[in-house]
């Protein structure tokens, strides 16, 4: 007998052990899956949503560990409404937002302000990262509110300006610490070469040095190296017990493809050999996740001289479509697709008992893809309006995104759900 708390029922088609299966998913009014049955059960008295038509395939909801949704005083670049809309349109049910906002999220007051804005504006579930504070006492204040943030973020300049605070944090916080792995002396110096050769001024081997240096600090934190641009980093991370992700532009583009500010990013896009090796890493499954590092800027900011324009690529609307295309064309297995977009990020965040599966007890968040549809990538929802990956021809279109049982994106139509702000799982 079906639980009386059932709110709605989904009929879906998914892949189980390599075979297509139809399931009936019963979702409670709390947004969690209460029951899963094989086949299409006949039910009455509930709202029934049929996702078995045509070539629709339902996957566990996508998770992006690394976005910059700006807002606050930078809302002209992006805000939580536009950024989360872009994420929902690409199948993401949870995004994790970086703290380099204005004001910076490195104290209790701004953290609470951010969470309030998220609950009011976001179309998807949310995680907030905290920046490294200037003082140990503020670390302790933040740690008293671990339910409001998913982890901390270390930037290259923190390794100089706040190194003692970092050492303290790593010794007392047994949660997630995400690291931008560039050496400060590389990251803080101006480029003297052509735009396509910025990777020579900010060499990716610095990522290995930072990773190794962090391994020498006494710590209880879980270290995660993000937007990895060096092909050896995942192997070093594996040997040290760290996790690691990369982004599509590091395995799709090389420095020769970077001709204007739309391709300027930190760490810089590397050479052709690195691109090829990172792609090989991807198809062999050595990363824990693939992230967008969605970093939007206004068109006006990106049209100035490349030495002056801010780094960052608006990628959240393209990232999942790239991986779906690689899956449909046979470069990625279904298991790797789910690892990179669903289960891997959930595991890094420590929410793999809540997200990343279509099983009973999990949050009813999933992504529905039409395998027969094709398209050309361009920025639709983000305020950035343009990306260096515009023009990418993809296969597999996200047609619906479900967050906690609510269809928040339905082939272009957006609906605001009751979102969850995830906290540290430690």
Protein backbone atom coordinates (compact mmCIF):
# COMPACT_ATOMS: atom_id res chain seq x y z
CA UNK A 1 0.00 0.00 0.00
CA UNK A 2 1.35 3.41 -1.00
CA UNK A 3 2.35 5.82 1.78
CA UNK A 4 -0.34 8.46 2.39
CA UNK A 5 2.33 11.18 2.33
CA UNK A 6 2.88 10.67 -1.40
CA UNK A 7 2.67 13.99 -3.24
CA UNK A 8 3.18 12.93 -6.87
CA UNK A 9 4.26 10.02 -9.04
CA UNK A 10 6.80 9.95 -11.87
CA UNK A 11 6.93 7.32 -14.61
CA UNK A 12 10.51 7.34 -15.88
CA UNK A 13 12.84 5.49 -18.20
CA UNK A 14 16.44 5.03 -17.07
CA UNK A 15 19.45 2.76 -17.47
CA UNK A 16 20.05 -0.06 -14.99
CA UNK A 17 23.03 -2.38 -15.52
CA UNK A 18 23.28 -1.24 -19.13
CA UNK A 19 19.65 -1.94 -19.98
CA UNK A 20 16.74 0.46 -20.37
CA UNK A 21 14.15 0.07 -17.61
CA UNK A 22 10.90 1.82 -16.79
CA UNK A 23 10.28 2.75 -13.16
CA UNK A 24 7.50 4.27 -11.11
CA UNK A 25 8.83 6.73 -8.54
CA UNK A 26 6.63 7.86 -5.64
CA UNK A 27 7.66 11.23 -4.20
CA UNK A 28 6.64 12.44 -0.75
CA UNK A 29 5.58 15.95 0.14
CA UNK A 30 9.01 16.40 1.73
CA UNK A 31 10.66 16.13 -1.69
CA UNK A 32 12.18 12.68 -1.11
CA UNK A 33 11.61 9.41 -2.95
CA UNK A 34 9.38 7.14 -0.85
CA UNK A 35 9.08 4.13 -3.12
CA UNK A 36 10.44 2.86 -6.45
CA UNK A 37 8.71 0.11 -8.45
CA UNK A 38 9.72 -1.57 -11.69
CA UNK A 39 7.39 -0.93 -14.61
CA UNK A 40 4.63 1.65 -15.00
CA UNK A 41 2.24 1.09 -12.13
CA UNK A 42 -1.33 2.29 -12.53
CA UNK A 43 -2.05 4.83 -9.80
CA UNK A 44 -4.90 7.19 -9.00
CA UNK A 45 -5.38 10.06 -6.63
CA UNK A 46 -1.96 11.58 -7.27
CA UNK A 47 -0.42 13.89 -9.84
CA UNK A 48 1.28 11.60 -12.38
CA UNK A 49 4.13 12.89 -14.56
CA UNK A 50 4.99 10.69 -17.54
CA UNK A 51 8.67 10.85 -18.54
CA UNK A 52 8.69 7.73 -20.73
CA UNK A 53 7.73 9.33 -24.04
CA UNK A 54 9.94 9.20 -27.13
CA UNK A 55 13.65 8.96 -26.39
CA UNK A 56 13.53 10.51 -22.93
CA UNK A 57 16.05 9.20 -20.41
CA UNK A 58 15.94 10.15 -16.73
CA UNK A 59 19.22 10.44 -14.83
CA UNK A 60 20.07 11.32 -11.23
CA UNK A 61 20.16 15.10 -10.98
CA UNK A 62 23.39 16.80 -12.03
CA UNK A 63 25.58 18.55 -9.44
CA UNK A 64 28.04 21.37 -10.11
CA UNK A 65 30.68 21.70 -7.39
CA UNK A 66 32.03 25.00 -8.68
CA UNK A 67 30.09 28.06 -9.85
CA UNK A 68 30.32 31.81 -9.33
CA UNK A 69 26.80 33.23 -9.25
CA UNK A 70 28.03 36.68 -8.20
CA UNK A 71 24.97 38.70 -7.01
CA UNK A 72 25.40 41.30 -4.23
CA UNK A 73 27.38 44.22 -5.69
CA UNK A 74 28.34 42.12 -8.73
CA UNK A 75 24.79 41.41 -9.84
CA UNK A 76 25.45 43.20 -13.13
CA UNK A 77 27.62 40.18 -14.04
CA UNK A 78 25.20 37.53 -12.74
CA UNK A 79 22.73 37.08 -9.93
CA UNK A 80 21.30 34.04 -8.19
CA UNK A 81 18.12 34.17 -10.30
CA UNK A 82 19.89 34.25 -13.67
CA UNK A 83 22.68 31.88 -12.63
CA UNK A 84 20.42 29.26 -11.08
CA UNK A 85 18.08 29.52 -14.08
CA UNK A 86 21.04 28.77 -16.34
CA UNK A 87 21.98 25.82 -14.12
CA UNK A 88 18.43 24.42 -14.11
CA UNK A 89 18.27 24.67 -17.90
CA UNK A 90 21.37 22.46 -18.08
CA UNK A 91 20.00 19.80 -15.73
CA UNK A 92 21.71 20.84 -12.50
CA UNK A 93 19.77 20.25 -9.29
CA UNK A 94 22.50 21.51 -6.95
CA UNK A 95 25.17 24.16 -7.48
CA UNK A 96 27.93 25.12 -5.06
CA UNK A 97 28.82 28.79 -5.10
CA UNK A 98 32.27 30.26 -4.57
CA UNK A 99 32.93 33.00 -1.98
CA UNK A 100 34.76 35.63 -4.08
CA UNK A 101 31.68 37.83 -4.11
CA UNK A 102 31.46 41.50 -3.14
CA UNK A 103 31.20 41.53 -0.17
CA UNK A 104 33.30 38.40 0.27
CA UNK A 105 31.70 35.41 2.02
CA UNK A 106 34.28 35.04 4.80
CA UNK A 107 32.31 35.96 7.90
CA UNK A 108 29.05 35.02 9.62
CA UNK A 109 27.17 38.17 8.64
CA UNK A 110 27.75 37.80 4.90
CA UNK A 111 27.21 34.03 5.03
CA UNK A 112 23.76 34.49 6.58
CA UNK A 113 22.97 37.20 4.04
CA UNK A 114 23.93 34.86 1.21
CA UNK A 115 21.77 32.03 2.49
CA UNK A 116 18.79 34.37 2.79
CA UNK A 117 19.27 35.49 -0.82
CA UNK A 118 19.57 31.88 -2.00
CA UNK A 119 16.35 30.78 -0.33
CA UNK A 120 14.54 33.71 -1.90
CA UNK A 121 15.99 33.55 -5.42
CA UNK A 122 17.41 30.16 -6.41
CA UNK A 123 15.73 27.72 -8.79
CA UNK A 124 17.94 24.83 -7.64
CA UNK A 125 19.35 23.46 -4.40
CA UNK A 126 22.42 25.30 -3.24
CA UNK A 127 25.71 25.04 -1.42
CA UNK A 128 27.79 28.02 -0.30
CA UNK A 129 31.56 28.00 0.18
CA UNK A 130 33.26 30.28 2.69
CA UNK A 131 36.46 32.12 1.94
CA UNK A 132 39.46 31.95 4.26
CA UNK A 133 38.99 34.65 6.93
CA UNK A 134 41.75 36.98 8.05
CA UNK A 135 41.59 35.74 11.63
CA UNK A 136 41.34 32.39 13.41
CA UNK A 137 38.54 33.68 15.63
CA UNK A 138 36.31 34.14 12.57
CA UNK A 139 37.03 30.53 11.53
CA UNK A 140 35.60 29.39 14.86
CA UNK A 141 32.53 31.59 14.40
CA UNK A 142 31.90 30.08 10.97
CA UNK A 143 32.40 26.54 12.25
CA UNK A 144 29.50 27.11 14.65
CA UNK A 145 27.26 27.44 11.56
CA UNK A 146 28.41 24.44 9.52
CA UNK A 147 24.83 23.74 8.49
CA UNK A 148 24.94 26.88 6.30
CA UNK A 149 27.97 26.13 4.12
CA UNK A 150 29.43 23.14 2.29
CA UNK A 151 33.11 23.93 2.72
CA UNK A 152 35.92 26.46 2.42
CA UNK A 153 37.78 27.73 -0.64
CA UNK A 154 41.51 28.46 -0.80
CA UNK A 155 42.72 30.90 -3.47
CA UNK A 156 46.39 31.39 -4.46
CA UNK A 157 46.67 34.69 -2.59
CA UNK A 158 45.45 32.98 0.59
CA UNK A 159 48.65 30.94 0.60
CA UNK A 160 50.50 34.21 1.23
CA UNK A 161 48.04 36.43 3.07
CA UNK A 162 46.29 33.86 5.27
CA UNK A 163 48.60 30.87 5.48
CA UNK A 164 48.53 30.61 9.28
CA UNK A 165 44.72 30.67 9.21
CA UNK A 166 44.77 27.92 6.56
CA UNK A 167 46.98 25.73 8.75
CA UNK A 168 44.63 26.23 11.68
CA UNK A 169 41.53 25.50 9.58
CA UNK A 170 42.95 22.30 8.11
CA UNK A 171 43.73 21.07 11.61
CA UNK A 172 40.27 21.59 13.11
CA UNK A 173 37.74 21.33 10.25
CA UNK A 174 37.05 17.80 9.05
CA UNK A 175 34.94 18.97 6.13
CA UNK A 176 35.59 19.93 2.51
CA UNK A 177 38.30 22.42 1.54
CA UNK A 178 38.43 23.27 -2.17
CA UNK A 179 41.72 24.53 -3.58
CA UNK A 180 42.58 26.69 -6.58
CA UNK A 181 45.95 25.12 -7.24
CA UNK A 182 48.20 27.86 -8.57
CA UNK A 183 51.34 29.25 -6.98
CA UNK A 184 50.85 32.82 -5.69
CA UNK A 185 53.99 34.03 -7.47
CA UNK A 186 52.49 32.82 -10.76
CA UNK A 187 48.92 33.93 -10.12
CA UNK A 188 49.76 37.44 -8.94
CA UNK A 189 52.17 38.49 -11.68
CA UNK A 190 51.01 40.14 -14.92
CA UNK A 191 51.20 38.26 -18.21
CA UNK A 192 53.96 39.39 -20.54
CA UNK A 193 53.16 37.13 -23.49
CA UNK A 194 50.41 36.77 -26.05
CA UNK A 195 46.96 35.77 -24.74
CA UNK A 196 47.26 32.29 -26.25
CA UNK A 197 50.51 31.76 -24.30
CA UNK A 198 49.35 32.84 -20.83
CA UNK A 199 49.92 29.26 -19.66
CA UNK A 200 53.67 29.93 -19.91
CA UNK A 201 53.40 32.82 -17.42
CA UNK A 202 51.15 30.76 -15.12
CA UNK A 203 52.52 27.23 -15.66
CA UNK A 204 50.20 24.41 -14.66
CA UNK A 205 52.96 22.52 -12.83
CA UNK A 206 52.36 24.97 -9.99
CA UNK A 207 49.22 22.92 -9.32
CA UNK A 208 51.41 19.95 -8.43
CA UNK A 209 53.53 22.07 -6.09
CA UNK A 210 50.49 23.46 -4.24
CA UNK A 211 48.95 19.99 -3.94
CA UNK A 212 52.16 18.52 -2.55
CA UNK A 213 52.60 21.44 -0.17
CA UNK A 214 49.11 20.99 1.28
CA UNK A 215 49.83 17.31 1.83
CA UNK A 216 52.64 18.25 4.22
CA UNK A 217 50.32 20.14 6.60
CA UNK A 218 48.81 18.29 9.55
CA UNK A 219 45.14 18.20 8.72
CA UNK A 220 41.77 16.56 9.20
CA UNK A 221 40.14 18.40 6.28
CA UNK A 222 39.13 16.74 3.01
CA UNK A 223 41.22 18.42 0.29
CA UNK A 224 39.73 18.83 -3.19
CA UNK A 225 41.73 20.32 -6.08
CA UNK A 226 39.37 22.11 -8.44
CA UNK A 227 39.54 23.04 -12.16
CA UNK A 228 42.70 20.98 -12.61
CA UNK A 229 44.69 22.01 -15.69
CA UNK A 230 47.71 19.70 -15.34
CA UNK A 231 47.30 16.10 -16.59
CA UNK A 232 49.35 14.61 -13.71
CA UNK A 233 47.31 16.19 -10.92
CA UNK A 234 44.64 13.46 -10.60
CA UNK A 235 47.30 10.80 -10.11
CA UNK A 236 49.07 12.85 -7.44
CA UNK A 237 45.74 13.52 -5.73
CA UNK A 238 44.87 9.84 -5.75
CA UNK A 239 48.20 8.98 -4.10
CA UNK A 240 47.56 11.58 -1.37
CA UNK A 241 43.91 10.75 -0.71
CA UNK A 242 42.68 14.03 -2.23
CA UNK A 243 39.87 14.43 -4.76
CA UNK A 244 40.04 16.42 -8.00
CA UNK A 245 37.91 17.80 -10.80
CA UNK A 246 38.46 19.43 -14.18
CA UNK A 247 36.40 21.55 -16.58
CA UNK A 248 35.42 21.06 -20.26
CA UNK A 249 37.55 23.85 -21.68
CA UNK A 250 40.73 22.14 -20.46
CA UNK A 251 40.01 19.03 -22.54
CA UNK A 252 38.25 20.76 -25.47
CA UNK A 253 40.53 23.75 -26.08
CA UNK A 254 44.22 24.57 -26.22
CA UNK A 255 46.02 27.90 -26.05
CA UNK A 256 45.83 28.19 -29.84
CA UNK A 257 42.03 28.44 -29.53
CA UNK A 258 42.20 31.41 -27.13
CA UNK A 259 42.06 34.55 -29.27
CA UNK A 260 40.04 36.98 -27.16
CA UNK A 261 38.91 37.69 -23.61
CA UNK A 262 36.08 35.14 -23.78
CA UNK A 263 38.72 32.43 -23.42
CA UNK A 264 40.74 34.11 -20.68
CA UNK A 265 40.51 32.04 -17.51
CA UNK A 266 42.58 31.08 -14.46
CA UNK A 267 44.32 28.68 -14.53
CA UNK A 268 44.94 29.44 -18.22
CA UNK A 269 43.93 27.03 -20.96
CA UNK A 270 47.03 24.93 -21.61
CA UNK A 271 48.79 23.58 -24.71
CA UNK A 272 47.57 20.91 -27.12
CA UNK A 273 49.49 18.10 -25.42
CA UNK A 274 47.93 18.88 -22.04
CA UNK A 275 44.48 19.10 -23.63
CA UNK A 276 44.93 15.65 -25.16
CA UNK A 277 46.22 14.10 -21.94
CA UNK A 278 43.40 15.61 -19.87
CA UNK A 279 40.87 14.21 -22.34
CA UNK A 280 42.50 10.80 -22.00
CA UNK A 281 42.27 11.15 -18.21
CA UNK A 282 38.59 11.95 -18.60
CA UNK A 283 37.68 8.89 -20.65
CA UNK A 284 39.71 6.64 -18.33
CA UNK A 285 37.75 7.89 -15.33
CA UNK A 286 40.51 9.38 -13.18
CA UNK A 287 38.62 12.53 -12.11
CA UNK A 288 36.12 12.63 -9.26
CA UNK A 289 33.90 15.19 -10.97
CA UNK A 290 33.64 17.57 -13.89
CA UNK A 291 32.63 21.13 -12.99
CA UNK A 292 31.69 24.18 -15.02
CA UNK A 293 33.62 26.81 -13.01
CA UNK A 294 30.90 29.10 -14.34
CA UNK A 295 32.45 32.57 -13.98
CA UNK A 296 30.34 35.17 -15.82
CA UNK A 297 31.29 38.77 -16.56
CA UNK A 298 29.51 41.55 -18.40
CA UNK A 299 30.00 41.93 -22.13
CA UNK A 300 31.55 45.37 -21.56
CA UNK A 301 34.19 43.90 -19.25
CA UNK A 302 35.11 41.20 -21.75
CA UNK A 303 35.45 43.61 -24.70
CA UNK A 304 38.44 45.51 -23.29
CA UNK A 305 42.09 44.64 -23.93
CA UNK A 306 42.90 41.07 -22.87
CA UNK A 307 45.47 42.29 -20.33
CA UNK A 308 42.73 44.20 -18.51
CA UNK A 309 39.65 42.02 -18.91
CA UNK A 310 38.67 39.78 -15.97
CA UNK A 311 39.28 36.02 -16.25
CA UNK A 312 36.37 33.60 -16.31
CA UNK A 313 34.19 31.59 -18.69
CA UNK A 314 30.39 31.29 -18.55
CA UNK A 315 30.16 27.51 -18.79
CA UNK A 316 27.25 26.17 -16.72
CA UNK A 317 24.92 25.93 -19.75
CA UNK A 318 27.51 24.03 -21.78
CA UNK A 319 29.31 21.71 -19.34
CA UNK A 320 26.63 19.03 -18.95
CA UNK A 321 25.84 19.11 -22.67
CA UNK A 322 29.50 18.40 -23.45
CA UNK A 323 29.48 15.30 -21.23
CA UNK A 324 26.11 14.13 -22.56
CA UNK A 325 27.49 14.40 -26.08
CA UNK A 326 30.59 12.39 -25.17
CA UNK A 327 28.31 9.74 -23.65
CA UNK A 328 25.93 9.53 -26.60
CA UNK A 329 28.83 9.41 -29.08
CA UNK A 330 30.50 6.60 -27.15
CA UNK A 331 33.51 8.36 -25.63
CA UNK A 332 32.16 8.08 -22.07
CA UNK A 333 30.39 5.11 -20.52
CA UNK A 334 27.11 5.67 -18.71
CA UNK A 335 28.90 4.89 -15.44
CA UNK A 336 31.43 7.68 -16.06
CA UNK A 337 28.73 10.15 -17.08
CA UNK A 338 26.94 9.52 -13.79
CA UNK A 339 30.21 9.60 -11.87
CA UNK A 340 31.25 12.98 -13.25
CA UNK A 341 27.88 14.74 -13.04
CA UNK A 342 26.05 13.00 -10.19
CA UNK A 343 27.61 10.48 -7.83
CA UNK A 344 31.16 11.85 -7.90
CA UNK A 345 30.22 15.40 -6.90
CA UNK A 346 27.76 14.04 -4.32
CA UNK A 347 30.53 11.96 -2.78
CA UNK A 348 32.96 14.89 -2.70
CA UNK A 349 30.33 16.97 -0.91
CA UNK A 350 29.41 14.12 1.44
CA UNK A 351 25.78 14.10 0.24
CA UNK A 352 25.95 10.77 -1.60
CA UNK A 353 23.27 9.42 0.75
CA UNK A 354 20.91 12.19 -0.38
CA UNK A 355 21.72 12.92 -4.03
CA UNK A 356 23.15 11.00 -6.99
CA UNK A 357 20.66 8.11 -7.15
CA UNK A 358 17.07 7.37 -8.16
CA UNK A 359 16.61 5.10 -5.14
CA UNK A 360 14.15 5.24 -2.26
CA UNK A 361 15.28 7.58 0.50
CA UNK A 362 17.07 9.98 -1.85
CA UNK A 363 15.96 13.50 -2.68
CA UNK A 364 13.67 13.42 -5.72
CA UNK A 365 16.02 15.42 -7.92
CA UNK A 366 16.67 14.22 -11.45
CA UNK A 367 17.51 15.32 -14.96
CA UNK A 368 15.51 14.33 -18.03
CA UNK A 369 17.34 14.22 -21.37
CA UNK A 370 15.94 13.79 -24.87
CA UNK A 371 18.58 11.63 -26.55
CA UNK A 372 17.24 12.39 -30.03
CA UNK A 373 17.59 16.16 -29.88
CA UNK A 374 20.65 18.06 -31.06
CA UNK A 375 21.68 21.67 -30.79
CA UNK A 376 24.39 24.31 -30.88
CA UNK A 377 25.55 25.67 -27.54
CA UNK A 378 25.07 29.32 -26.73
CA UNK A 379 24.37 31.26 -23.54
CA UNK A 380 20.61 31.51 -23.03
CA UNK A 381 19.97 32.38 -19.39
CA UNK A 382 23.22 33.73 -17.91
CA UNK A 383 23.77 37.48 -17.96
CA UNK A 384 27.19 36.79 -19.50
CA UNK A 385 25.46 36.24 -22.86
CA UNK A 386 28.55 34.65 -24.38
CA UNK A 387 31.07 31.84 -23.81
CA UNK A 388 34.19 30.68 -25.60
CA UNK A 389 32.37 27.35 -26.02
CA UNK A 390 29.53 28.93 -28.01
CA UNK A 391 29.03 26.97 -31.20
CA UNK A 392 29.73 23.56 -29.66
CA UNK A 393 27.47 21.07 -31.44
CA UNK A 394 25.89 18.83 -28.87
CA UNK A 395 23.68 15.76 -28.83
CA UNK A 396 21.19 15.18 -26.02
CA UNK A 397 19.02 18.03 -24.79
CA UNK A 398 17.96 18.61 -21.20
CA UNK A 399 14.17 18.95 -21.36
CA UNK A 400 13.23 18.76 -17.68
CA UNK A 401 14.98 19.32 -14.37
CA UNK A 402 13.30 18.10 -11.18
CA UNK A 403 14.39 19.45 -7.79
CA UNK A 404 12.85 17.85 -4.71
CA UNK A 405 9.90 16.59 -6.74
CA UNK A 406 9.19 19.96 -8.39
CA UNK A 407 9.71 20.30 -12.15
CA UNK A 408 11.72 23.53 -12.04
CA UNK A 409 12.67 23.52 -15.74
CA UNK A 410 10.26 22.24 -18.38
CA UNK A 411 11.61 22.81 -21.89
CA UNK A 412 12.15 26.52 -21.31
CA UNK A 413 9.57 27.15 -18.59
CA UNK A 414 10.96 27.83 -15.09
CA UNK A 415 9.16 27.23 -11.79
CA UNK A 416 10.56 28.34 -8.42
CA UNK A 417 10.78 25.37 -5.98
CA UNK A 418 11.33 25.21 -2.24
CA UNK A 419 15.11 24.79 -2.29
CA UNK A 420 17.49 23.26 0.23
CA UNK A 421 20.75 24.88 1.31
CA UNK A 422 23.21 22.08 1.98
CA UNK A 423 25.65 22.30 4.86
CA UNK A 424 28.94 20.63 5.77
CA UNK A 425 28.62 16.86 6.17
CA UNK A 426 31.20 16.35 8.88
